[in-house]
Amino acid sequence: MGTGVYTFTAEIKPTMLESVKQREADQAEELYNLSAIQVPDQTEFPISEKELISKLKISRSLISALRSKKEIPFIKAGARILYQASKVIAALEVSPNTQNT
């Protein structure tokens, strides 16, 4: 007489337990792989020339000269000129005109 209640047999229970363990291991590996993803540098917001001057403590004329010589990267957005500070710093570190002699 079936009451509609399912009971685990000794053979089914370990198989289901292994299936659940494998699923949890797969999910843990997936989470680990997601945490290893490197976010590109594009998450840094561009800043204005005024903000760059404040951040780097250099003159407006030096920024203008370096920009006109294309020694620092910049973004032209209409009439505005914007900078990504980390890229400007990296360019200044390798620029021969900004090195102390």
PDB file of N, CA and C in Angstrom:
ATOM      1  N   MET A   1       0.830  -1.150   0.000  1.00  0.00           N
ATOM      2  CA  MET A   1       0.000   0.000   0.000  1.00  0.00           C
ATOM      3  C   MET A   1       0.895   1.239   0.000  1.00  0.00           C
ATOM      4  N   GLY A   2       0.758   2.072  -0.995  1.00  0.00           N
ATOM      5  CA  GLY A   2       1.591   3.256  -1.119  1.00  0.00           C
ATOM      6  C   GLY A   2       0.939   4.460  -0.479  1.00  0.00           C
ATOM      7  N   THR A   3       1.656   5.120   0.366  1.00  0.00           N
ATOM      8  CA  THR A   3       1.125   6.310   1.028  1.00  0.00           C
ATOM      9  C   THR A   3       1.640   7.577   0.361  1.00  0.00           C
ATOM     10  N   GLY A   4       2.480   7.443  -0.634  1.00  0.00           N
ATOM     11  CA  GLY A   4       3.011   8.610  -1.310  1.00  0.00           C
ATOM     12  C   GLY A   4       4.251   9.163  -0.623  1.00  0.00           C
ATOM     13  N   VAL A   5       4.700   8.513   0.402  1.00  0.00           N
ATOM     14  CA  VAL A   5       5.890   8.955   1.120  1.00  0.00           C
ATOM     15  C   VAL A   5       7.080   8.190   0.566  1.00  0.00           C
ATOM     16  N   TYR A   6       8.114   8.929   0.216  1.00  0.00           N
ATOM     17  CA  TYR A   6       9.310   8.315  -0.365  1.00  0.00           C
ATOM     18  C   TYR A   6      10.347   8.149   0.727  1.00  0.00           C
ATOM     19  N   THR A   7      10.858   6.960   0.843  1.00  0.00           N
ATOM     20  CA  THR A   7      11.911   6.720   1.828  1.00  0.00           C
ATOM     21  C   THR A   7      13.201   6.426   1.088  1.00  0.00           C
ATOM     22  N   PHE A   8      14.293   6.929   1.630  1.00  0.00           N
ATOM     23  CA  PHE A   8      15.599   6.699   1.018  1.00  0.00           C
ATOM     24  C   PHE A   8      16.068   5.285   1.303  1.00  0.00           C
ATOM     25  N   THR A   9      16.551   4.669   0.287  1.00  0.00           N
ATOM     26  CA  THR A   9      17.169   3.365   0.491  1.00  0.00           C
ATOM     27  C   THR A   9      18.649   3.577   0.703  1.00  0.00           C
ATOM     28  N   ALA A  10      19.317   2.605   1.143  1.00  0.00           N
ATOM     29  CA  ALA A  10      20.741   2.697   1.423  1.00  0.00           C
ATOM     30  C   ALA A  10      21.523   3.003   0.153  1.00  0.00           C
ATOM     31  N   GLU A  11      21.004   2.641  -1.028  1.00  0.00           N
ATOM     32  CA  GLU A  11      21.718   2.871  -2.286  1.00  0.00           C
ATOM     33  C   GLU A  11      21.489   4.282  -2.830  1.00  0.00           C
ATOM     34  N   ILE A  12      20.327   4.830  -2.659  1.00  0.00           N
ATOM     35  CA  ILE A  12      19.996   6.139  -3.219  1.00  0.00           C
ATOM     36  C   ILE A  12      20.604   7.268  -2.396  1.00  0.00           C
ATOM     37  N   LYS A  13      20.596   7.179  -1.094  1.00  0.00           N
ATOM     38  CA  LYS A  13      21.037   8.254  -0.227  1.00  0.00           C
ATOM     39  C   LYS A  13      22.500   8.657  -0.484  1.00  0.00           C
ATOM     40  N   PRO A  14      23.468   7.754  -0.539  1.00  0.00           N
ATOM     41  CA  PRO A  14      24.857   8.169  -0.807  1.00  0.00           C
ATOM     42  C   PRO A  14      25.029   8.803  -2.190  1.00  0.00           C
ATOM     43  N   THR A  15      24.302   8.357  -3.176  1.00  0.00           N
ATOM     44  CA  THR A  15      24.393   8.918  -4.518  1.00  0.00           C
ATOM     45  C   THR A  15      23.908  10.355  -4.519  1.00  0.00           C
ATOM     46  N   MET A  16      22.826  10.634  -3.855  1.00  0.00           N
ATOM     47  CA  MET A  16      22.300  11.995  -3.782  1.00  0.00           C
ATOM     48  C   MET A  16      23.244  12.890  -2.985  1.00  0.00           C
ATOM     49  N   LEU A  17      23.817  12.336  -1.927  1.00  0.00           N
ATOM     50  CA  LEU A  17      24.752  13.106  -1.113  1.00  0.00           C
ATOM     51  C   LEU A  17      25.984  13.480  -1.937  1.00  0.00           C
ATOM     52  N   GLU A  18      26.494  12.566  -2.720  1.00  0.00           N
ATOM     53  CA  GLU A  18      27.642  12.851  -3.597  1.00  0.00           C
ATOM     54  C   GLU A  18      27.283  13.907  -4.633  1.00  0.00           C
ATOM     55  N   SER A  19      26.072  13.843  -5.150  1.00  0.00           N
ATOM     56  CA  SER A  19      25.622  14.821  -6.133  1.00  0.00           C
ATOM     57  C   SER A  19      25.573  16.224  -5.524  1.00  0.00           C
ATOM     58  N   VAL A  20      25.072  16.333  -4.307  1.00  0.00           N
ATOM     59  CA  VAL A  20      25.004  17.626  -3.620  1.00  0.00           C
ATOM     60  C   VAL A  20      26.416  18.133  -3.329  1.00  0.00           C
ATOM     61  N   LYS A  21      27.297  17.271  -2.874  1.00  0.00           N
ATOM     62  CA  LYS A  21      28.684  17.664  -2.590  1.00  0.00           C
ATOM     63  C   LYS A  21      29.377  18.164  -3.860  1.00  0.00           C
ATOM     64  N   GLN A  22      29.156  17.479  -4.968  1.00  0.00           N
ATOM     65  CA  GLN A  22      29.776  17.876  -6.231  1.00  0.00           C
ATOM     66  C   GLN A  22      29.238  19.238  -6.686  1.00  0.00           C
ATOM     67  N   ARG A  23      27.939  19.453  -6.526  1.00  0.00           N
ATOM     68  CA  ARG A  23      27.345  20.724  -6.899  1.00  0.00           C
ATOM     69  C   ARG A  23      27.917  21.866  -6.050  1.00  0.00           C
ATOM     70  N   GLU A  24      28.078  21.634  -4.755  1.00  0.00           N
ATOM     71  CA  GLU A  24      28.655  22.646  -3.866  1.00  0.00           C
ATOM     72  C   GLU A  24      30.110  22.927  -4.238  1.00  0.00           C
ATOM     73  N   ALA A  25      30.856  21.887  -4.574  1.00  0.00           N
ATOM     74  CA  ALA A  25      32.253  22.072  -4.986  1.00  0.00           C
ATOM     75  C   ALA A  25      32.335  22.875  -6.276  1.00  0.00           C
ATOM     76  N   ASP A  26      31.441  22.607  -7.206  1.00  0.00           N
ATOM     77  CA  ASP A  26      31.411  23.357  -8.470  1.00  0.00           C
ATOM     78  C   ASP A  26      31.084  24.831  -8.223  1.00  0.00           C
ATOM     79  N   GLN A  27      30.125  25.084  -7.337  1.00  0.00           N
ATOM     80  CA  GLN A  27      29.755  26.465  -7.023  1.00  0.00           C
ATOM     81  C   GLN A  27      30.904  27.195  -6.334  1.00  0.00           C
ATOM     82  N   ALA A  28      31.596  26.513  -5.426  1.00  0.00           N
ATOM     83  CA  ALA A  28      32.737  27.129  -4.742  1.00  0.00           C
ATOM     84  C   ALA A  28      33.843  27.465  -5.738  1.00  0.00           C
ATOM     85  N   GLU A  29      34.103  26.563  -6.677  1.00  0.00           N
ATOM     86  CA  GLU A  29      35.123  26.819  -7.694  1.00  0.00           C
ATOM     87  C   GLU A  29      34.727  27.990  -8.589  1.00  0.00           C
ATOM     88  N   GLU A  30      33.454  28.063  -8.921  1.00  0.00           N
ATOM     89  CA  GLU A  30      32.957  29.159  -9.747  1.00  0.00           C
ATOM     90  C   GLU A  30      33.125  30.503  -9.025  1.00  0.00           C
ATOM     91  N   LEU A  31      32.818  30.549  -7.738  1.00  0.00           N
ATOM     92  CA  LEU A  31      33.005  31.774  -6.950  1.00  0.00           C
ATOM     93  C   LEU A  31      34.476  32.149  -6.860  1.00  0.00           C
ATOM     94  N   TYR A  32      35.343  31.156  -6.693  1.00  0.00           N
ATOM     95  CA  TYR A  32      36.778  31.416  -6.626  1.00  0.00           C
ATOM     96  C   TYR A  32      37.268  32.006  -7.949  1.00  0.00           C
ATOM     97  N   ASN A  33      36.805  31.454  -9.054  1.00  0.00           N
ATOM     98  CA  ASN A  33      37.216  31.962 -10.364  1.00  0.00           C
ATOM     99  C   ASN A  33      36.732  33.391 -10.586  1.00  0.00           C
ATOM    100  N   LEU A  34      35.540  33.728 -10.097  1.00  0.00           N
ATOM    101  CA  LEU A  34      35.030  35.087 -10.233  1.00  0.00           C
ATOM    102  C   LEU A  34      35.863  36.078  -9.430  1.00  0.00           C
ATOM    103  N   SER A  35      36.364  35.659  -8.274  1.00  0.00           N
ATOM    104  CA  SER A  35      37.147  36.574  -7.441  1.00  0.00           C
ATOM    105  C   SER A  35      38.518  36.843  -8.045  1.00  0.00           C
ATOM    106  N   ALA A  36      38.976  36.008  -8.957  1.00  0.00           N
ATOM    107  CA  ALA A  36      40.285  36.190  -9.571  1.00  0.00           C
ATOM    108  C   ALA A  36      40.252  37.099 -10.800  1.00  0.00           C
ATOM    109  N   ILE A  37      39.068  37.522 -11.209  1.00  0.00           N
ATOM    110  CA  ILE A  37      38.943  38.365 -12.396  1.00  0.00           C
ATOM    111  C   ILE A  37      39.528  39.742 -12.102  1.00  0.00           C
ATOM    112  N   GLN A  38      40.397  40.205 -12.977  1.00  0.00           N
ATOM    113  CA  GLN A  38      40.992  41.523 -12.840  1.00  0.00           C
ATOM    114  C   GLN A  38      40.085  42.548 -13.516  1.00  0.00           C
ATOM    115  N   VAL A  39      39.771  43.617 -12.813  1.00  0.00           N
ATOM    116  CA  VAL A  39      38.956  44.690 -13.382  1.00  0.00           C
ATOM    117  C   VAL A  39      39.880  45.606 -14.172  1.00  0.00           C
ATOM    118  N   PRO A  40      39.558  45.902 -15.421  1.00  0.00           N
ATOM    119  CA  PRO A  40      40.430  46.765 -16.206  1.00  0.00           C
ATOM    120  C   PRO A  40      40.551  48.159 -15.608  1.00  0.00           C
ATOM    121  N   ASP A  41      41.618  48.850 -15.992  1.00  0.00           N
ATOM    122  CA  ASP A  41      41.910  50.187 -15.475  1.00  0.00           C
ATOM    123  C   ASP A  41      40.865  51.209 -15.922  1.00  0.00           C
ATOM    124  N   GLN A  42      39.967  50.814 -16.784  1.00  0.00           N
ATOM    125  CA  GLN A  42      38.972  51.747 -17.318  1.00  0.00           C
ATOM    126  C   GLN A  42      37.970  52.179 -16.266  1.00  0.00           C
ATOM    127  N   THR A  43      38.032  51.596 -15.065  1.00  0.00           N
ATOM    128  CA  THR A  43      37.105  51.996 -14.013  1.00  0.00           C
ATOM    129  C   THR A  43      37.506  53.323 -13.392  1.00  0.00           C
ATOM    130  N   GLU A  44      38.723  53.782 -13.659  1.00  0.00           N
ATOM    131  CA  GLU A  44      39.160  55.077 -13.139  1.00  0.00           C
ATOM    132  C   GLU A  44      38.495  56.181 -13.946  1.00  0.00           C
ATOM    133  N   PHE A  45      37.848  57.089 -13.256  1.00  0.00           N
ATOM    134  CA  PHE A  45      37.147  58.172 -13.940  1.00  0.00           C
ATOM    135  C   PHE A  45      38.130  59.251 -14.377  1.00  0.00           C
ATOM    136  N   PRO A  46      37.947  59.803 -15.548  1.00  0.00           N
ATOM    137  CA  PRO A  46      38.790  60.919 -15.986  1.00  0.00           C
ATOM    138  C   PRO A  46      38.569  62.134 -15.091  1.00  0.00           C
ATOM    139  N   ILE A  47      39.636  62.904 -14.903  1.00  0.00           N
ATOM    140  CA  ILE A  47      39.553  64.106 -14.075  1.00  0.00           C
ATOM    141  C   ILE A  47      39.943  65.329 -14.901  1.00  0.00           C
ATOM    142  N   SER A  48      39.560  66.487 -14.416  1.00  0.00           N
ATOM    143  CA  SER A  48      39.858  67.731 -15.125  1.00  0.00           C
ATOM    144  C   SER A  48      41.316  68.136 -14.904  1.00  0.00           C
ATOM    145  N   GLU A  49      41.752  69.130 -15.662  1.00  0.00           N
ATOM    146  CA  GLU A  49      43.109  69.645 -15.517  1.00  0.00           C
ATOM    147  C   GLU A  49      43.309  70.223 -14.112  1.00  0.00           C
ATOM    148  N   LYS A  50      42.307  70.913 -13.617  1.00  0.00           N
ATOM    149  CA  LYS A  50      42.382  71.501 -12.275  1.00  0.00           C
ATOM    150  C   LYS A  50      42.586  70.413 -11.212  1.00  0.00           C
ATOM    151  N   GLU A  51      41.850  69.308 -11.340  1.00  0.00           N
ATOM    152  CA  GLU A  51      41.997  68.194 -10.395  1.00  0.00           C
ATOM    153  C   GLU A  51      43.373  67.544 -10.527  1.00  0.00           C
ATOM    154  N   LEU A  52      43.871  67.439 -11.761  1.00  0.00           N
ATOM    155  CA  LEU A  52      45.193  66.860 -11.997  1.00  0.00           C
ATOM    156  C   LEU A  52      46.284  67.728 -11.366  1.00  0.00           C
ATOM    157  N   ILE A  53      46.166  69.037 -11.522  1.00  0.00           N
ATOM    158  CA  ILE A  53      47.126  69.964 -10.922  1.00  0.00           C
ATOM    159  C   ILE A  53      47.137  69.783  -9.404  1.00  0.00           C
ATOM    160  N   SER A  54      45.982  69.692  -8.827  1.00  0.00           N
ATOM    161  CA  SER A  54      45.863  69.520  -7.383  1.00  0.00           C
ATOM    162  C   SER A  54      46.446  68.190  -6.924  1.00  0.00           C
ATOM    163  N   LYS A  55      46.175  67.155  -7.682  1.00  0.00           N
ATOM    164  CA  LYS A  55      46.622  65.810  -7.302  1.00  0.00           C
ATOM    165  C   LYS A  55      48.135  65.649  -7.448  1.00  0.00           C
ATOM    166  N   LEU A  56      48.705  66.152  -8.544  1.00  0.00           N
ATOM    167  CA  LEU A  56      50.130  65.938  -8.827  1.00  0.00           C
ATOM    168  C   LEU A  56      51.019  67.079  -8.338  1.00  0.00           C
ATOM    169  N   LYS A  57      50.408  68.198  -7.962  1.00  0.00           N
ATOM    170  CA  LYS A  57      51.169  69.369  -7.483  1.00  0.00           C
ATOM    171  C   LYS A  57      52.175  69.850  -8.541  1.00  0.00           C
ATOM    172  N   ILE A  58      51.697  69.984  -9.776  1.00  0.00           N
ATOM    173  CA  ILE A  58      52.515  70.532 -10.862  1.00  0.00           C
ATOM    174  C   ILE A  58      51.758  71.692 -11.508  1.00  0.00           C
ATOM    175  N   SER A  59      52.469  72.503 -12.251  1.00  0.00           N
ATOM    176  CA  SER A  59      51.861  73.710 -12.806  1.00  0.00           C
ATOM    177  C   SER A  59      51.011  73.422 -14.045  1.00  0.00           C
ATOM    178  N   ARG A  60      50.092  74.334 -14.303  1.00  0.00           N
ATOM    179  CA  ARG A  60      49.237  74.255 -15.487  1.00  0.00           C
ATOM    180  C   ARG A  60      50.082  74.340 -16.758  1.00  0.00           C
ATOM    181  N   SER A  61      51.127  75.198 -16.732  1.00  0.00           N
ATOM    182  CA  SER A  61      51.965  75.359 -17.931  1.00  0.00           C
ATOM    183  C   SER A  61      52.745  74.069 -18.237  1.00  0.00           C
ATOM    184  N   LEU A  62      53.181  73.353 -17.194  1.00  0.00           N
ATOM    185  CA  LEU A  62      53.881  72.080 -17.426  1.00  0.00           C
ATOM    186  C   LEU A  62      52.938  71.052 -18.031  1.00  0.00           C
ATOM    187  N   ILE A  63      51.722  70.974 -17.517  1.00  0.00           N
ATOM    188  CA  ILE A  63      50.737  70.039 -18.074  1.00  0.00           C
ATOM    189  C   ILE A  63      50.458  70.381 -19.532  1.00  0.00           C
ATOM    190  N   SER A  64      50.286  71.651 -19.809  1.00  0.00           N
ATOM    191  CA  SER A  64      50.023  72.090 -21.177  1.00  0.00           C
ATOM    192  C   SER A  64      51.174  71.739 -22.106  1.00  0.00           C
ATOM    193  N   ALA A  65      52.403  71.971 -21.654  1.00  0.00           N
ATOM    194  CA  ALA A  65      53.576  71.666 -22.478  1.00  0.00           C
ATOM    195  C   ALA A  65      53.700  70.164 -22.733  1.00  0.00           C
ATOM    196  N   LEU A  66      53.503  69.369 -21.701  1.00  0.00           N
ATOM    197  CA  LEU A  66      53.594  67.913 -21.857  1.00  0.00           C
ATOM    198  C   LEU A  66      52.488  67.388 -22.760  1.00  0.00           C
ATOM    199  N   ARG A  67      51.302  67.976 -22.637  1.00  0.00           N
ATOM    200  CA  ARG A  67      50.185  67.561 -23.492  1.00  0.00           C
ATOM    201  C   ARG A  67      50.459  67.908 -24.951  1.00  0.00           C
ATOM    202  N   SER A  68      50.986  69.117 -25.205  1.00  0.00           N
ATOM    203  CA  SER A  68      51.240  69.518 -26.592  1.00  0.00           C
ATOM    204  C   SER A  68      52.356  68.686 -27.228  1.00  0.00           C
ATOM    205  N   LYS A  69      53.295  68.212 -26.410  1.00  0.00           N
ATOM    206  CA  LYS A  69      54.355  67.322 -26.913  1.00  0.00           C
ATOM    207  C   LYS A  69      53.909  65.861 -26.948  1.00  0.00           C
ATOM    208  N   LYS A  70      52.660  65.627 -26.527  1.00  0.00           N
ATOM    209  CA  LYS A  70      52.071  64.279 -26.480  1.00  0.00           C
ATOM    210  C   LYS A  70      52.869  63.336 -25.575  1.00  0.00           C
ATOM    211  N   GLU A  71      53.382  63.883 -24.478  1.00  0.00           N
ATOM    212  CA  GLU A  71      54.134  63.086 -23.516  1.00  0.00           C
ATOM    213  C   GLU A  71      53.249  62.554 -22.392  1.00  0.00           C
ATOM    214  N   ILE A  72      52.035  63.086 -22.274  1.00  0.00           N
ATOM    215  CA  ILE A  72      51.070  62.551 -21.315  1.00  0.00           C
ATOM    216  C   ILE A  72      49.764  62.268 -22.055  1.00  0.00           C
ATOM    217  N   PRO A  73      49.088  61.193 -21.669  1.00  0.00           N
ATOM    218  CA  PRO A  73      47.820  60.862 -22.331  1.00  0.00           C
ATOM    219  C   PRO A  73      46.690  61.761 -21.833  1.00  0.00           C
ATOM    220  N   PHE A  74      45.765  62.073 -22.721  1.00  0.00           N
ATOM    221  CA  PHE A  74      44.603  62.877 -22.366  1.00  0.00           C
ATOM    222  C   PHE A  74      43.430  62.483 -23.234  1.00  0.00           C
ATOM    223  N   ILE A  75      42.266  62.915 -22.803  1.00  0.00           N
ATOM    224  CA  ILE A  75      41.021  62.632 -23.523  1.00  0.00           C
ATOM    225  C   ILE A  75      40.389  63.975 -23.852  1.00  0.00           C
ATOM    226  N   LYS A  76      40.060  64.163 -25.102  1.00  0.00           N
ATOM    227  CA  LYS A  76      39.385  65.399 -25.511  1.00  0.00           C
ATOM    228  C   LYS A  76      37.907  65.079 -25.671  1.00  0.00           C
ATOM    229  N   ALA A  77      37.097  65.710 -24.847  1.00  0.00           N
ATOM    230  CA  ALA A  77      35.650  65.503 -24.875  1.00  0.00           C
ATOM    231  C   ALA A  77      35.003  66.845 -25.180  1.00  0.00           C
ATOM    232  N   GLY A  78      34.786  67.113 -26.440  1.00  0.00           N
ATOM    233  CA  GLY A  78      34.279  68.425 -26.844  1.00  0.00           C
ATOM    234  C   GLY A  78      35.362  69.458 -26.589  1.00  0.00           C
ATOM    235  N   ALA A  79      35.030  70.462 -25.802  1.00  0.00           N
ATOM    236  CA  ALA A  79      36.013  71.496 -25.470  1.00  0.00           C
ATOM    237  C   ALA A  79      36.822  71.136 -24.225  1.00  0.00           C
ATOM    238  N   ARG A  80      36.399  70.102 -23.517  1.00  0.00           N
ATOM    239  CA  ARG A  80      37.078  69.710 -22.275  1.00  0.00           C
ATOM    240  C   ARG A  80      38.229  68.765 -22.541  1.00  0.00           C
ATOM    241  N   ILE A  81      39.284  68.907 -21.756  1.00  0.00           N
ATOM    242  CA  ILE A  81      40.412  67.986 -21.802  1.00  0.00           C
ATOM    243  C   ILE A  81      40.453  67.286 -20.451  1.00  0.00           C
ATOM    244  N   LEU A  82      40.420  65.968 -20.489  1.00  0.00           N
ATOM    245  CA  LEU A  82      40.377  65.165 -19.270  1.00  0.00           C
ATOM    246  C   LEU A  82      41.581  64.234 -19.210  1.00  0.00           C
ATOM    247  N   TYR A  83      41.890  63.776 -18.014  1.00  0.00           N
ATOM    248  CA  TYR A  83      43.065  62.931 -17.797  1.00  0.00           C
ATOM    249  C   TYR A  83      42.698  61.766 -16.883  1.00  0.00           C
ATOM    250  N   GLN A  84      43.400  60.650 -17.063  1.00  0.00           N
ATOM    251  CA  GLN A  84      43.343  59.564 -16.100  1.00  0.00           C
ATOM    252  C   GLN A  84      44.654  59.643 -15.329  1.00  0.00           C
ATOM    253  N   ALA A  85      44.550  59.994 -14.061  1.00  0.00           N
ATOM    254  CA  ALA A  85      45.723  60.293 -13.246  1.00  0.00           C
ATOM    255  C   ALA A  85      46.757  59.165 -13.259  1.00  0.00           C
ATOM    256  N   SER A  86      46.327  57.913 -13.145  1.00  0.00           N
ATOM    257  CA  SER A  86      47.284  56.804 -13.097  1.00  0.00           C
ATOM    258  C   SER A  86      48.089  56.704 -14.397  1.00  0.00           C
ATOM    259  N   LYS A  87      47.443  56.980 -15.531  1.00  0.00           N
ATOM    260  CA  LYS A  87      48.150  56.920 -16.816  1.00  0.00           C
ATOM    261  C   LYS A  87      49.107  58.103 -16.972  1.00  0.00           C
ATOM    262  N   VAL A  88      48.723  59.270 -16.461  1.00  0.00           N
ATOM    263  CA  VAL A  88      49.602  60.438 -16.517  1.00  0.00           C
ATOM    264  C   VAL A  88      50.834  60.189 -15.639  1.00  0.00           C
ATOM    265  N   ILE A  89      50.619  59.654 -14.444  1.00  0.00           N
ATOM    266  CA  ILE A  89      51.733  59.354 -13.542  1.00  0.00           C
ATOM    267  C   ILE A  89      52.687  58.360 -14.193  1.00  0.00           C
ATOM    268  N   ALA A  90      52.135  57.326 -14.801  1.00  0.00           N
ATOM    269  CA  ALA A  90      52.982  56.328 -15.475  1.00  0.00           C
ATOM    270  C   ALA A  90      53.778  56.961 -16.607  1.00  0.00           C
ATOM    271  N   ALA A  91      53.168  57.856 -17.361  1.00  0.00           N
ATOM    272  CA  ALA A  91      53.860  58.527 -18.466  1.00  0.00           C
ATOM    273  C   ALA A  91      54.952  59.448 -17.939  1.00  0.00           C
ATOM    274  N   LEU A  92      54.689  60.120 -16.827  1.00  0.00           N
ATOM    275  CA  LEU A  92      55.699  61.015 -16.251  1.00  0.00           C
ATOM    276  C   LEU A  92      56.901  60.244 -15.706  1.00  0.00           C
ATOM    277  N   GLU A  93      56.656  59.033 -15.240  1.00  0.00           N
ATOM    278  CA  GLU A  93      57.750  58.216 -14.713  1.00  0.00           C
ATOM    279  C   GLU A  93      58.733  57.803 -15.794  1.00  0.00           C
ATOM    280  N   VAL A  94      58.278  57.691 -17.034  1.00  0.00           N
ATOM    281  CA  VAL A  94      59.167  57.267 -18.125  1.00  0.00           C
ATOM    282  C   VAL A  94      59.554  58.403 -19.063  1.00  0.00           C
ATOM    283  N   SER A  95      58.954  59.572 -18.905  1.00  0.00           N
ATOM    284  CA  SER A  95      59.233  60.694 -19.786  1.00  0.00           C
ATOM    285  C   SER A  95      60.607  61.282 -19.502  1.00  0.00           C
ATOM    286  N   PRO A  96      61.482  61.378 -20.531  1.00  0.00           N
ATOM    287  CA  PRO A  96      62.843  61.893 -20.306  1.00  0.00           C
ATOM    288  C   PRO A  96      62.863  63.385 -19.944  1.00  0.00           C
ATOM    289  N   ASN A  97      61.864  64.157 -20.336  1.00  0.00           N
ATOM    290  CA  ASN A  97      61.841  65.589 -20.055  1.00  0.00           C
ATOM    291  C   ASN A  97      61.471  65.926 -18.625  1.00  0.00           C
ATOM    292  N   THR A  98      60.912  64.952 -17.900  1.00  0.00           N
ATOM    293  CA  THR A  98      60.491  65.231 -16.524  1.00  0.00           C
ATOM    294  C   THR A  98      61.440  64.609 -15.513  1.00  0.00           C
ATOM    295  N   GLN A  99      62.507  63.957 -15.973  1.00  0.00           N
ATOM    296  CA  GLN A  99      63.485  63.344 -15.080  1.00  0.00           C
ATOM    297  C   GLN A  99      64.447  64.397 -14.554  1.00  0.00           C
ATOM    298  N   ASN A 100      64.841  64.248 -13.305  1.00  0.00           N
ATOM    299  CA  ASN A 100      65.848  65.139 -12.716  1.00  0.00           C
ATOM    300  C   ASN A 100      67.224  64.735 -13.210  1.00  0.00           C
ATOM    301  N   THR A 101      68.067  65.695 -13.572  1.00  0.00           N
ATOM    302  CA  THR A 101      69.408  65.365 -14.075  1.00  0.00           C
ATOM    303  C   THR A 101      70.447  65.553 -13.013  1.00  0.00           C
TER     304      THR A 101
END
